[in-house]
Structures are given as structure tokens and as C-alpha cells.
């Protein structure tokens, strides 16, 4: 079954006020409540686009797949690439552990990762 991976993405991005962040991204409060606090059965395409734009990600990042027990060959299933292991990424926590002397180097590396490469046009 497909699920939203939204809370872990928000945490990884260091967004500590998800409701305000999503509202600023153009989502209405009722939609935010459904996205964050309920098990969705459906999601609007324009909401997916707004989430991807605000979080700088793809739809594959937003969704995660949990195989149901009747799937025999889970690794070869077409949805296997979006099956997530317990990803608990916290950039803020990682940055707190870096010595101050290496912090500038870490920031430079992160900034360079975000720059568009010439082959990505």
C-alpha cells in the first residue's frame, strides 16, 4: 500500500512548524490536516505539485510503499524503488555533531550539492 512520507521529509528538512510551512506553500488548513494527521486514501495532483515545489523533491520522495503480505517477490515489484527503510534523517542533528572547525566545509559542500550541474538541463 502507498503512504505519504511527508513527516520524515519535513523532519529531514528541519521544518519544525509543518502546518505554517505547508500553508505558506499554498495548501489550505483542512488539506494540511488530512495530509499530516490522517491516513490518506487519495491526494490531489495539485497538492502533490505544491508539496514537491515547496520541499524540492519528486513525487517518488513523497510516497513510500509498504508491501502487503500477499506480494511474493517484493524486490522485483514495480513499486520497490519507493519502499523505504526506516529513514530518520536529521540534518540539524548531523550539523550539531560536526566540529566548528569543519562546519564551513560542510556548508560549502551542501551549497554545492544544491547547484545545478551543466548536464542537468
PDB file of N, CA and C in Angstrom:
ATOM      1  N   UNK A   1       0.844  -1.168   0.000  1.00  0.00           N
ATOM      2  CA  UNK A   1       0.000   0.000   0.000  1.00  0.00           C
ATOM      3  C   UNK A   1       0.897   1.242   0.000  1.00  0.00           C
ATOM      4  N   UNK A   2       0.464   2.267  -0.677  1.00  0.00           N
ATOM      5  CA  UNK A   2       1.205   3.525  -0.717  1.00  0.00           C
ATOM      6  C   UNK A   2       0.822   4.410   0.474  1.00  0.00           C
ATOM      7  N   UNK A   3       1.824   5.072   1.034  1.00  0.00           N
ATOM      8  CA  UNK A   3       1.628   6.006   2.135  1.00  0.00           C
ATOM      9  C   UNK A   3       2.415   7.274   1.859  1.00  0.00           C
ATOM     10  N   UNK A   4       2.018   8.350   2.516  1.00  0.00           N
ATOM     11  CA  UNK A   4       2.784   9.593   2.424  1.00  0.00           C
ATOM     12  C   UNK A   4       3.992   9.516   3.335  1.00  0.00           C
ATOM     13  N   UNK A   5       5.104   9.983   2.834  1.00  0.00           N
ATOM     14  CA  UNK A   5       6.357  10.021   3.560  1.00  0.00           C
ATOM     15  C   UNK A   5       6.623  11.448   4.047  1.00  0.00           C
ATOM     16  N   UNK A   6       5.585  12.218   4.190  1.00  0.00           N
ATOM     17  CA  UNK A   6       5.690  13.659   4.401  1.00  0.00           C
ATOM     18  C   UNK A   6       6.364  14.042   5.714  1.00  0.00           C
ATOM     19  N   UNK A   7       6.007  13.391   6.795  1.00  0.00           N
ATOM     20  CA  UNK A   7       6.563  13.764   8.105  1.00  0.00           C
ATOM     21  C   UNK A   7       8.073  13.586   8.160  1.00  0.00           C
ATOM     22  N   UNK A   8       8.580  12.513   7.563  1.00  0.00           N
ATOM     23  CA  UNK A   8      10.029  12.309   7.596  1.00  0.00           C
ATOM     24  C   UNK A   8      10.753  13.310   6.699  1.00  0.00           C
ATOM     25  N   UNK A   9      10.138  13.716   5.595  1.00  0.00           N
ATOM     26  CA  UNK A   9      10.756  14.730   4.734  1.00  0.00           C
ATOM     27  C   UNK A   9      10.792  16.078   5.455  1.00  0.00           C
ATOM     28  N   UNK A  10       9.693  16.433   6.098  1.00  0.00           N
ATOM     29  CA  UNK A  10       9.646  17.695   6.847  1.00  0.00           C
ATOM     30  C   UNK A  10      10.694  17.706   7.951  1.00  0.00           C
ATOM     31  N   UNK A  11      10.836  16.586   8.636  1.00  0.00           N
ATOM     32  CA  UNK A  11      11.839  16.490   9.705  1.00  0.00           C
ATOM     33  C   UNK A  11      13.250  16.611   9.127  1.00  0.00           C
ATOM     34  N   UNK A  12      13.499  15.921   8.022  1.00  0.00           N
ATOM     35  CA  UNK A  12      14.822  15.970   7.400  1.00  0.00           C
ATOM     36  C   UNK A  12      15.173  17.378   6.931  1.00  0.00           C
ATOM     37  N   UNK A  13      14.169  18.125   6.517  1.00  0.00           N
ATOM     38  CA  UNK A  13      14.379  19.500   6.064  1.00  0.00           C
ATOM     39  C   UNK A  13      14.490  20.480   7.240  1.00  0.00           C
ATOM     40  N   UNK A  14      14.274  19.994   8.462  1.00  0.00           N
ATOM     41  CA  UNK A  14      14.373  20.863   9.634  1.00  0.00           C
ATOM     42  C   UNK A  14      13.177  21.783   9.800  1.00  0.00           C
ATOM     43  N   UNK A  15      12.044  21.377   9.266  1.00  0.00           N
ATOM     44  CA  UNK A  15      10.833  22.197   9.341  1.00  0.00           C
ATOM     45  C   UNK A  15      10.115  21.853  10.634  1.00  0.00           C
ATOM     46  N   UNK A  16      10.180  22.758  11.596  1.00  0.00           N
ATOM     47  CA  UNK A  16       9.606  22.477  12.904  1.00  0.00           C
ATOM     48  C   UNK A  16       8.174  22.991  13.049  1.00  0.00           C
ATOM     49  N   UNK A  17       7.688  23.733  12.070  1.00  0.00           N
ATOM     50  CA  UNK A  17       6.299  24.194  12.060  1.00  0.00           C
ATOM     51  C   UNK A  17       5.662  23.779  10.727  1.00  0.00           C
ATOM     52  N   UNK A  18       5.352  22.476  10.585  1.00  0.00           N
ATOM     53  CA  UNK A  18       4.880  21.979   9.289  1.00  0.00           C
ATOM     54  C   UNK A  18       3.579  22.605   8.817  1.00  0.00           C
ATOM     55  N   UNK A  19       2.667  22.898   9.736  1.00  0.00           N
ATOM     56  CA  UNK A  19       1.393  23.482   9.320  1.00  0.00           C
ATOM     57  C   UNK A  19       1.625  24.844   8.669  1.00  0.00           C
ATOM     58  N   UNK A  20       2.413  25.689   9.302  1.00  0.00           N
ATOM     59  CA  UNK A  20       2.705  27.008   8.739  1.00  0.00           C
ATOM     60  C   UNK A  20       3.470  26.886   7.423  1.00  0.00           C
ATOM     61  N   UNK A  21       4.427  25.972   7.366  1.00  0.00           N
ATOM     62  CA  UNK A  21       5.216  25.771   6.151  1.00  0.00           C
ATOM     63  C   UNK A  21       4.310  25.366   4.988  1.00  0.00           C
ATOM     64  N   UNK A  22       3.427  24.395   5.226  1.00  0.00           N
ATOM     65  CA  UNK A  22       2.551  23.912   4.156  1.00  0.00           C
ATOM     66  C   UNK A  22       1.512  24.958   3.760  1.00  0.00           C
ATOM     67  N   UNK A  23       1.060  25.749   4.727  1.00  0.00           N
ATOM     68  CA  UNK A  23       0.118  26.827   4.401  1.00  0.00           C
ATOM     69  C   UNK A  23       0.812  27.872   3.522  1.00  0.00           C
ATOM     70  N   UNK A  24       2.054  28.210   3.849  1.00  0.00           N
ATOM     71  CA  UNK A  24       2.818  29.157   3.031  1.00  0.00           C
ATOM     72  C   UNK A  24       3.100  28.598   1.637  1.00  0.00           C
ATOM     73  N   UNK A  25       3.082  27.276   1.518  1.00  0.00           N
ATOM     74  CA  UNK A  25       3.300  26.633   0.217  1.00  0.00           C
ATOM     75  C   UNK A  25       2.024  26.626  -0.629  1.00  0.00           C
ATOM     76  N   UNK A  26       0.909  27.101  -0.050  1.00  0.00           N
ATOM     77  CA  UNK A  26      -0.316  27.222  -0.825  1.00  0.00           C
ATOM     78  C   UNK A  26      -1.401  26.205  -0.506  1.00  0.00           C
ATOM     79  N   UNK A  27      -1.203  25.421   0.528  1.00  0.00           N
ATOM     80  CA  UNK A  27      -2.215  24.440   0.903  1.00  0.00           C
ATOM     81  C   UNK A  27      -3.151  25.023   1.952  1.00  0.00           C
ATOM     82  N   UNK A  28      -4.420  24.671   1.866  1.00  0.00           N
ATOM     83  CA  UNK A  28      -5.420  25.144   2.828  1.00  0.00           C
ATOM     84  C   UNK A  28      -5.329  24.307   4.107  1.00  0.00           C
ATOM     85  N   UNK A  29      -5.737  24.900   5.215  1.00  0.00           N
ATOM     86  CA  UNK A  29      -5.635  24.218   6.507  1.00  0.00           C
ATOM     87  C   UNK A  29      -6.351  22.857   6.550  1.00  0.00           C
ATOM     88  N   UNK A  30      -7.564  22.725   5.986  1.00  0.00           N
ATOM     89  CA  UNK A  30      -8.194  21.393   6.007  1.00  0.00           C
ATOM     90  C   UNK A  30      -7.364  20.337   5.260  1.00  0.00           C
ATOM     91  N   UNK A  31      -6.771  20.729   4.148  1.00  0.00           N
ATOM     92  CA  UNK A  31      -5.931  19.798   3.384  1.00  0.00           C
ATOM     93  C   UNK A  31      -4.682  19.430   4.172  1.00  0.00           C
ATOM     94  N   UNK A  32      -4.102  20.407   4.851  1.00  0.00           N
ATOM     95  CA  UNK A  32      -2.903  20.158   5.665  1.00  0.00           C
ATOM     96  C   UNK A  32      -3.214  19.154   6.766  1.00  0.00           C
ATOM     97  N   UNK A  33      -4.348  19.333   7.411  1.00  0.00           N
ATOM     98  CA  UNK A  33      -4.748  18.420   8.479  1.00  0.00           C
ATOM     99  C   UNK A  33      -4.845  16.985   7.959  1.00  0.00           C
ATOM    100  N   UNK A  34      -5.451  16.826   6.784  1.00  0.00           N
ATOM    101  CA  UNK A  34      -5.575  15.494   6.187  1.00  0.00           C
ATOM    102  C   UNK A  34      -4.201  14.934   5.830  1.00  0.00           C
ATOM    103  N   UNK A  35      -3.341  15.761   5.242  1.00  0.00           N
ATOM    104  CA  UNK A  35      -2.020  15.298   4.811  1.00  0.00           C
ATOM    105  C   UNK A  35      -1.133  14.892   5.984  1.00  0.00           C
ATOM    106  N   UNK A  36      -1.209  15.637   7.073  1.00  0.00           N
ATOM    107  CA  UNK A  36      -0.316  15.387   8.201  1.00  0.00           C
ATOM    108  C   UNK A  36      -0.846  14.395   9.232  1.00  0.00           C
ATOM    109  N   UNK A  37      -2.157  14.360   9.417  1.00  0.00           N
ATOM    110  CA  UNK A  37      -2.677  13.645  10.577  1.00  0.00           C
ATOM    111  C   UNK A  37      -3.656  12.521  10.283  1.00  0.00           C
ATOM    112  N   UNK A  38      -3.847  12.161   9.040  1.00  0.00           N
ATOM    113  CA  UNK A  38      -4.769  11.065   8.759  1.00  0.00           C
ATOM    114  C   UNK A  38      -4.147  10.138   7.721  1.00  0.00           C
ATOM    115  N   UNK A  39      -4.716   8.970   7.619  1.00  0.00           N
ATOM    116  CA  UNK A  39      -4.288   8.044   6.574  1.00  0.00           C
ATOM    117  C   UNK A  39      -5.054   8.391   5.309  1.00  0.00           C
ATOM    118  N   UNK A  40      -4.349   8.944   4.359  1.00  0.00           N
ATOM    119  CA  UNK A  40      -4.977   9.376   3.106  1.00  0.00           C
ATOM    120  C   UNK A  40      -5.365   8.188   2.252  1.00  0.00           C
ATOM    121  N   UNK A  41      -6.498   8.315   1.633  1.00  0.00           N
ATOM    122  CA  UNK A  41      -6.918   7.363   0.618  1.00  0.00           C
ATOM    123  C   UNK A  41      -6.740   7.972  -0.759  1.00  0.00           C
ATOM    124  N   UNK A  42      -6.670   9.306  -0.802  1.00  0.00           N
ATOM    125  CA  UNK A  42      -6.468   9.995  -2.072  1.00  0.00           C
ATOM    126  C   UNK A  42      -5.736  11.308  -1.797  1.00  0.00           C
ATOM    127  N   UNK A  43      -5.105  11.817  -2.846  1.00  0.00           N
ATOM    128  CA  UNK A  43      -4.400  13.091  -2.752  1.00  0.00           C
ATOM    129  C   UNK A  43      -4.525  13.780  -4.109  1.00  0.00           C
ATOM    130  N   UNK A  44      -4.783  15.054  -4.069  1.00  0.00           N
ATOM    131  CA  UNK A  44      -4.957  15.810  -5.310  1.00  0.00           C
ATOM    132  C   UNK A  44      -3.606  16.040  -5.982  1.00  0.00           C
ATOM    133  N   UNK A  45      -3.625  16.029  -7.298  1.00  0.00           N
ATOM    134  CA  UNK A  45      -2.391  16.241  -8.052  1.00  0.00           C
ATOM    135  C   UNK A  45      -1.799  17.621  -7.809  1.00  0.00           C
ATOM    136  N   UNK A  46      -2.641  18.643  -7.665  1.00  0.00           N
ATOM    137  CA  UNK A  46      -2.093  19.973  -7.410  1.00  0.00           C
ATOM    138  C   UNK A  46      -1.449  20.036  -6.024  1.00  0.00           C
ATOM    139  N   UNK A  47      -1.908  19.217  -5.078  1.00  0.00           N
ATOM    140  CA  UNK A  47      -1.262  19.161  -3.764  1.00  0.00           C
ATOM    141  C   UNK A  47       0.113  18.500  -3.864  1.00  0.00           C
ATOM    142  N   UNK A  48       0.201  17.455  -4.685  1.00  0.00           N
ATOM    143  CA  UNK A  48       1.494  16.806  -4.901  1.00  0.00           C
ATOM    144  C   UNK A  48       2.472  17.800  -5.504  1.00  0.00           C
ATOM    145  N   UNK A  49       2.017  18.568  -6.472  1.00  0.00           N
ATOM    146  CA  UNK A  49       2.887  19.553  -7.115  1.00  0.00           C
ATOM    147  C   UNK A  49       3.345  20.622  -6.115  1.00  0.00           C
ATOM    148  N   UNK A  50       2.424  21.110  -5.287  1.00  0.00           N
ATOM    149  CA  UNK A  50       2.790  22.114  -4.289  1.00  0.00           C
ATOM    150  C   UNK A  50       3.780  21.553  -3.269  1.00  0.00           C
ATOM    151  N   UNK A  51       3.567  20.317  -2.851  1.00  0.00           N
ATOM    152  CA  UNK A  51       4.490  19.683  -1.909  1.00  0.00           C
ATOM    153  C   UNK A  51       5.876  19.526  -2.526  1.00  0.00           C
ATOM    154  N   UNK A  52       5.923  19.043  -3.758  1.00  0.00           N
ATOM    155  CA  UNK A  52       7.208  18.846  -4.433  1.00  0.00           C
ATOM    156  C   UNK A  52       7.947  20.167  -4.631  1.00  0.00           C
ATOM    157  N   UNK A  53       7.215  21.210  -4.985  1.00  0.00           N
ATOM    158  CA  UNK A  53       7.834  22.517  -5.182  1.00  0.00           C
ATOM    159  C   UNK A  53       8.381  23.063  -3.866  1.00  0.00           C
ATOM    160  N   UNK A  54       7.581  23.002  -2.818  1.00  0.00           N
ATOM    161  CA  UNK A  54       7.996  23.556  -1.524  1.00  0.00           C
ATOM    162  C   UNK A  54       9.129  22.759  -0.900  1.00  0.00           C
ATOM    163  N   UNK A  55       9.122  21.447  -1.070  1.00  0.00           N
ATOM    164  CA  UNK A  55      10.119  20.586  -0.423  1.00  0.00           C
ATOM    165  C   UNK A  55      11.290  20.232  -1.342  1.00  0.00           C
ATOM    166  N   UNK A  56      11.274  20.755  -2.575  1.00  0.00           N
ATOM    167  CA  UNK A  56      12.347  20.472  -3.539  1.00  0.00           C
ATOM    168  C   UNK A  56      12.566  18.961  -3.673  1.00  0.00           C
ATOM    169  N   UNK A  57      11.491  18.263  -4.032  1.00  0.00           N
ATOM    170  CA  UNK A  57      11.587  16.815  -4.150  1.00  0.00           C
ATOM    171  C   UNK A  57      10.712  16.337  -5.311  1.00  0.00           C
ATOM    172  N   UNK A  58      10.669  15.047  -5.507  1.00  0.00           N
ATOM    173  CA  UNK A  58       9.841  14.452  -6.555  1.00  0.00           C
ATOM    174  C   UNK A  58       8.680  13.696  -5.909  1.00  0.00           C
ATOM    175  N   UNK A  59       7.664  13.339  -6.673  1.00  0.00           N
ATOM    176  CA  UNK A  59       6.589  12.522  -6.108  1.00  0.00           C
ATOM    177  C   UNK A  59       7.102  11.207  -5.511  1.00  0.00           C
ATOM    178  N   UNK A  60       8.149  10.634  -6.092  1.00  0.00           N
ATOM    179  CA  UNK A  60       8.721   9.406  -5.526  1.00  0.00           C
ATOM    180  C   UNK A  60       9.255   9.620  -4.121  1.00  0.00           C
ATOM    181  N   UNK A  61       9.686  10.827  -3.806  1.00  0.00           N
ATOM    182  CA  UNK A  61      10.162  11.122  -2.458  1.00  0.00           C
ATOM    183  C   UNK A  61       9.006  11.234  -1.472  1.00  0.00           C
ATOM    184  N   UNK A  62       7.872  11.698  -1.951  1.00  0.00           N
ATOM    185  CA  UNK A  62       6.725  11.943  -1.074  1.00  0.00           C
ATOM    186  C   UNK A  62       6.034  10.643  -0.669  1.00  0.00           C
ATOM    187  N   UNK A  63       6.070   9.671  -1.548  1.00  0.00           N
ATOM    188  CA  UNK A  63       5.376   8.411  -1.273  1.00  0.00           C
ATOM    189  C   UNK A  63       6.343   7.331  -0.808  1.00  0.00           C
ATOM    190  N   UNK A  64       5.810   6.424  -0.041  1.00  0.00           N
ATOM    191  CA  UNK A  64       6.544   5.227   0.338  1.00  0.00           C
ATOM    192  C   UNK A  64       5.614   4.040   0.157  1.00  0.00           C
ATOM    193  N   UNK A  65       6.185   2.912  -0.199  1.00  0.00           N
ATOM    194  CA  UNK A  65       5.387   1.724  -0.429  1.00  0.00           C
ATOM    195  C   UNK A  65       5.680   0.692   0.647  1.00  0.00           C
ATOM    196  N   UNK A  66       4.627   0.151   1.217  1.00  0.00           N
ATOM    197  CA  UNK A  66       4.731  -0.942   2.173  1.00  0.00           C
ATOM    198  C   UNK A  66       4.041  -2.144   1.538  1.00  0.00           C
ATOM    199  N   UNK A  67       4.807  -3.182   1.312  1.00  0.00           N
ATOM    200  CA  UNK A  67       4.267  -4.362   0.638  1.00  0.00           C
ATOM    201  C   UNK A  67       3.236  -5.053   1.518  1.00  0.00           C
ATOM    202  N   UNK A  68       2.180  -5.488   0.881  1.00  0.00           N
ATOM    203  CA  UNK A  68       1.178  -6.283   1.587  1.00  0.00           C
ATOM    204  C   UNK A  68       1.658  -7.732   1.633  1.00  0.00           C
ATOM    205  N   UNK A  69       1.155  -8.477   2.555  1.00  0.00           N
ATOM    206  CA  UNK A  69       1.669  -9.823   2.813  1.00  0.00           C
ATOM    207  C   UNK A  69       1.559 -10.771   1.624  1.00  0.00           C
ATOM    208  N   UNK A  70       0.637 -10.527   0.704  1.00  0.00           N
ATOM    209  CA  UNK A  70       0.455 -11.447  -0.424  1.00  0.00           C
ATOM    210  C   UNK A  70       1.458 -11.232  -1.559  1.00  0.00           C
ATOM    211  N   UNK A  71       2.270 -10.196  -1.500  1.00  0.00           N
ATOM    212  CA  UNK A  71       3.274  -9.972  -2.546  1.00  0.00           C
ATOM    213  C   UNK A  71       4.432 -10.948  -2.333  1.00  0.00           C
ATOM    214  N   UNK A  72       4.633 -11.803  -3.318  1.00  0.00           N
ATOM    215  CA  UNK A  72       5.655 -12.836  -3.212  1.00  0.00           C
ATOM    216  C   UNK A  72       7.059 -12.283  -3.446  1.00  0.00           C
ATOM    217  N   UNK A  73       7.231 -11.569  -4.541  1.00  0.00           N
ATOM    218  CA  UNK A  73       8.556 -11.104  -4.942  1.00  0.00           C
ATOM    219  C   UNK A  73       8.638  -9.590  -4.768  1.00  0.00           C
ATOM    220  N   UNK A  74       8.785  -9.153  -3.538  1.00  0.00           N
ATOM    221  CA  UNK A  74       8.753  -7.728  -3.196  1.00  0.00           C
ATOM    222  C   UNK A  74       9.886  -6.963  -3.869  1.00  0.00           C
ATOM    223  N   UNK A  75      11.072  -7.547  -3.943  1.00  0.00           N
ATOM    224  CA  UNK A  75      12.228  -6.841  -4.506  1.00  0.00           C
ATOM    225  C   UNK A  75      12.082  -6.533  -5.990  1.00  0.00           C
ATOM    226  N   UNK A  76      11.302  -7.320  -6.716  1.00  0.00           N
ATOM    227  CA  UNK A  76      11.108  -7.093  -8.142  1.00  0.00           C
ATOM    228  C   UNK A  76       9.792  -6.402  -8.463  1.00  0.00           C
ATOM    229  N   UNK A  77       9.074  -5.996  -7.455  1.00  0.00           N
ATOM    230  CA  UNK A  77       7.805  -5.298  -7.654  1.00  0.00           C
ATOM    231  C   UNK A  77       8.095  -3.914  -8.243  1.00  0.00           C
ATOM    232  N   UNK A  78       7.243  -3.415  -9.145  1.00  0.00           N
ATOM    233  CA  UNK A  78       7.480  -2.095  -9.747  1.00  0.00           C
ATOM    234  C   UNK A  78       7.564  -0.947  -8.728  1.00  0.00           C
ATOM    235  N   UNK A  79       6.943  -1.096  -7.569  1.00  0.00           N
ATOM    236  CA  UNK A  79       6.994  -0.047  -6.549  1.00  0.00           C
ATOM    237  C   UNK A  79       8.169  -0.203  -5.576  1.00  0.00           C
ATOM    238  N   UNK A  80       8.967  -1.231  -5.740  1.00  0.00           N
ATOM    239  CA  UNK A  80      10.089  -1.483  -4.827  1.00  0.00           C
ATOM    240  C   UNK A  80      11.041  -0.283  -4.671  1.00  0.00           C
ATOM    241  N   UNK A  81      11.290   0.493  -5.732  1.00  0.00           N
ATOM    242  CA  UNK A  81      12.212   1.633  -5.548  1.00  0.00           C
ATOM    243  C   UNK A  81      11.734   2.677  -4.527  1.00  0.00           C
ATOM    244  N   UNK A  82      10.423   2.744  -4.261  1.00  0.00           N
ATOM    245  CA  UNK A  82       9.963   3.724  -3.274  1.00  0.00           C
ATOM    246  C   UNK A  82       9.628   3.070  -1.936  1.00  0.00           C
ATOM    247  N   UNK A  83      10.064   1.831  -1.764  1.00  0.00           N
ATOM    248  CA  UNK A  83       9.933   1.183  -0.466  1.00  0.00           C
ATOM    249  C   UNK A  83      11.059   1.732   0.403  1.00  0.00           C
ATOM    250  N   UNK A  84      10.707   2.295   1.522  1.00  0.00           N
ATOM    251  CA  UNK A  84      11.701   2.949   2.367  1.00  0.00           C
ATOM    252  C   UNK A  84      11.966   2.111   3.606  1.00  0.00           C
ATOM    253  N   UNK A  85      13.222   2.066   3.930  1.00  0.00           N
ATOM    254  CA  UNK A  85      13.576   1.509   5.219  1.00  0.00           C
ATOM    255  C   UNK A  85      13.358   2.636   6.220  1.00  0.00           C
ATOM    256  N   UNK A  86      13.494   2.384   7.454  1.00  0.00           N
ATOM    257  CA  UNK A  86      13.244   3.400   8.477  1.00  0.00           C
ATOM    258  C   UNK A  86      14.273   4.522   8.337  1.00  0.00           C
ATOM    259  N   UNK A  87      13.972   5.466   7.420  1.00  0.00           N
ATOM    260  CA  UNK A  87      14.867   6.594   7.192  1.00  0.00           C
ATOM    261  C   UNK A  87      14.578   7.667   8.223  1.00  0.00           C
ATOM    262  N   UNK A  88      15.572   7.980   8.991  1.00  0.00           N
ATOM    263  CA  UNK A  88      15.415   9.002  10.008  1.00  0.00           C
ATOM    264  C   UNK A  88      16.554  10.000   9.818  1.00  0.00           C
ATOM    265  N   UNK A  89      16.378  10.896   8.873  1.00  0.00           N
ATOM    266  CA  UNK A  89      17.417  11.851   8.519  1.00  0.00           C
ATOM    267  C   UNK A  89      17.162  13.152   9.256  1.00  0.00           C
ATOM    268  N   UNK A  90      18.172  13.625   9.957  1.00  0.00           N
ATOM    269  CA  UNK A  90      18.058  14.912  10.625  1.00  0.00           C
ATOM    270  C   UNK A  90      19.326  15.709  10.351  1.00  0.00           C
ATOM    271  N   UNK A  91      19.213  16.641   9.430  1.00  0.00           N
ATOM    272  CA  UNK A  91      20.362  17.463   9.079  1.00  0.00           C
ATOM    273  C   UNK A  91      20.820  18.294  10.270  1.00  0.00           C
ATOM    274  N   UNK A  92      19.868  18.827  11.014  1.00  0.00           N
ATOM    275  CA  UNK A  92      20.219  19.640  12.178  1.00  0.00           C
ATOM    276  C   UNK A  92      21.021  18.834  13.191  1.00  0.00           C
ATOM    277  N   UNK A  93      20.611  17.604  13.421  1.00  0.00           N
ATOM    278  CA  UNK A  93      21.335  16.752  14.360  1.00  0.00           C
ATOM    279  C   UNK A  93      22.742  16.459  13.846  1.00  0.00           C
ATOM    280  N   UNK A  94      22.855  16.187  12.559  1.00  0.00           N
ATOM    281  CA  UNK A  94      24.171  15.912  11.971  1.00  0.00           C
ATOM    282  C   UNK A  94      25.076  17.140  12.058  1.00  0.00           C
ATOM    283  N   UNK A  95      24.514  18.322  11.798  1.00  0.00           N
ATOM    284  CA  UNK A  95      25.316  19.546  11.863  1.00  0.00           C
ATOM    285  C   UNK A  95      25.769  19.853  13.281  1.00  0.00           C
ATOM    286  N   UNK A  96      24.959  19.494  14.263  1.00  0.00           N
ATOM    287  CA  UNK A  96      25.357  19.722  15.660  1.00  0.00           C
ATOM    288  C   UNK A  96      26.570  18.895  16.045  1.00  0.00           C
ATOM    289  N   UNK A  97      26.763  17.757  15.383  1.00  0.00           N
ATOM    290  CA  UNK A  97      27.863  16.848  15.717  1.00  0.00           C
ATOM    291  C   UNK A  97      29.172  17.218  15.016  1.00  0.00           C
ATOM    292  N   UNK A  98      29.089  18.086  14.008  1.00  0.00           N
ATOM    293  CA  UNK A  98      30.296  18.478  13.265  1.00  0.00           C
ATOM    294  C   UNK A  98      31.073  19.506  14.078  1.00  0.00           C
ATOM    295  N   UNK A  99      32.383  19.301  14.208  1.00  0.00           N
ATOM    296  CA  UNK A  99      33.193  20.308  14.907  1.00  0.00           C
ATOM    297  C   UNK A  99      33.099  21.661  14.191  1.00  0.00           C
ATOM    298  N   UNK A 100      33.126  22.737  14.964  1.00  0.00           N
ATOM    299  CA  UNK A 100      33.027  24.087  14.407  1.00  0.00           C
ATOM    300  C   UNK A 100      34.062  24.296  13.313  1.00  0.00           C
ATOM    301  N   UNK A 101      35.238  23.754  13.490  1.00  0.00           N
ATOM    302  CA  UNK A 101      36.308  23.940  12.502  1.00  0.00           C
ATOM    303  C   UNK A 101      35.940  23.341  11.136  1.00  0.00           C
ATOM    304  N   UNK A 102      35.013  22.379  11.093  1.00  0.00           N
ATOM    305  CA  UNK A 102      34.621  21.738   9.839  1.00  0.00           C
ATOM    306  C   UNK A 102      33.247  22.193   9.352  1.00  0.00           C
ATOM    307  N   UNK A 103      32.586  23.046  10.118  1.00  0.00           N
ATOM    308  CA  UNK A 103      31.233  23.461   9.779  1.00  0.00           C
ATOM    309  C   UNK A 103      31.172  24.223   8.454  1.00  0.00           C
ATOM    310  N   UNK A 104      32.120  25.127   8.218  1.00  0.00           N
ATOM    311  CA  UNK A 104      32.132  25.887   6.968  1.00  0.00           C
ATOM    312  C   UNK A 104      32.299  24.953   5.775  1.00  0.00           C
ATOM    313  N   UNK A 105      33.132  23.954   5.918  1.00  0.00           N
ATOM    314  CA  UNK A 105      33.324  22.976   4.847  1.00  0.00           C
ATOM    315  C   UNK A 105      32.029  22.217   4.567  1.00  0.00           C
ATOM    316  N   UNK A 106      31.307  21.865   5.606  1.00  0.00           N
ATOM    317  CA  UNK A 106      30.028  21.155   5.444  1.00  0.00           C
ATOM    318  C   UNK A 106      29.011  22.039   4.734  1.00  0.00           C
ATOM    319  N   UNK A 107      28.945  23.311   5.109  1.00  0.00           N
ATOM    320  CA  UNK A 107      28.010  24.241   4.483  1.00  0.00           C
ATOM    321  C   UNK A 107      28.354  24.414   3.000  1.00  0.00           C
ATOM    322  N   UNK A 108      29.624  24.555   2.681  1.00  0.00           N
ATOM    323  CA  UNK A 108      30.061  24.692   1.293  1.00  0.00           C
ATOM    324  C   UNK A 108      29.686  23.454   0.483  1.00  0.00           C
ATOM    325  N   UNK A 109      29.888  22.287   1.055  1.00  0.00           N
ATOM    326  CA  UNK A 109      29.539  21.042   0.376  1.00  0.00           C
ATOM    327  C   UNK A 109      28.036  20.977   0.103  1.00  0.00           C
ATOM    328  N   UNK A 110      27.228  21.335   1.086  1.00  0.00           N
ATOM    329  CA  UNK A 110      25.774  21.311   0.919  1.00  0.00           C
ATOM    330  C   UNK A 110      25.339  22.320  -0.134  1.00  0.00           C
ATOM    331  N   UNK A 111      25.921  23.512  -0.108  1.00  0.00           N
ATOM    332  CA  UNK A 111      25.573  24.530  -1.110  1.00  0.00           C
ATOM    333  C   UNK A 111      25.919  24.053  -2.514  1.00  0.00           C
ATOM    334  N   UNK A 112      27.074  23.410  -2.672  1.00  0.00           N
ATOM    335  CA  UNK A 112      27.491  22.917  -3.985  1.00  0.00           C
ATOM    336  C   UNK A 112      26.590  21.786  -4.473  1.00  0.00           C
ATOM    337  N   UNK A 113      26.063  20.994  -3.556  1.00  0.00           N
ATOM    338  CA  UNK A 113      25.146  19.904  -3.936  1.00  0.00           C
ATOM    339  C   UNK A 113      23.852  20.466  -4.494  1.00  0.00           C
ATOM    340  N   UNK A 114      23.441  21.622  -4.030  1.00  0.00           N
ATOM    341  CA  UNK A 114      22.189  22.230  -4.480  1.00  0.00           C
ATOM    342  C   UNK A 114      22.302  22.969  -5.789  1.00  0.00           C
ATOM    343  N   UNK A 115      23.505  23.234  -6.249  1.00  0.00           N
ATOM    344  CA  UNK A 115      23.683  23.953  -7.510  1.00  0.00           C
ATOM    345  C   UNK A 115      23.416  23.038  -8.683  1.00  0.00           C
ATOM    346  N   UNK A 116      22.825  23.595  -9.716  1.00  0.00           N
ATOM    347  CA  UNK A 116      22.513  22.835 -10.921  1.00  0.00           C
ATOM    348  C   UNK A 116      23.804  22.520 -11.676  1.00  0.00           C
ATOM    349  N   UNK A 117      23.954  21.279 -12.062  1.00  0.00           N
ATOM    350  CA  UNK A 117      25.112  20.872 -12.834  1.00  0.00           C
ATOM    351  C   UNK A 117      24.840  21.104 -14.327  1.00  0.00           C
ATOM    352  N   UNK A 118      25.865  21.381 -15.114  1.00  0.00           N
ATOM    353  CA  UNK A 118      25.671  21.677 -16.548  1.00  0.00           C
ATOM    354  C   UNK A 118      24.928  20.581 -17.297  1.00  0.00           C
ATOM    355  N   UNK A 119      25.038  19.315 -16.883  1.00  0.00           N
ATOM    356  CA  UNK A 119      24.390  18.218 -17.604  1.00  0.00           C
ATOM    357  C   UNK A 119      22.931  18.036 -17.188  1.00  0.00           C
ATOM    358  N   UNK A 120      22.429  18.841 -16.235  1.00  0.00           N
ATOM    359  CA  UNK A 120      21.069  18.665 -15.732  1.00  0.00           C
ATOM    360  C   UNK A 120      20.043  19.552 -16.434  1.00  0.00           C
ATOM    361  N   UNK A 121      20.309  20.049 -17.575  1.00  0.00           N
ATOM    362  CA  UNK A 121      19.371  20.914 -18.291  1.00  0.00           C
ATOM    363  C   UNK A 121      18.345  20.153 -18.934  1.00  0.00           C
TER     364      UNK A 121
END
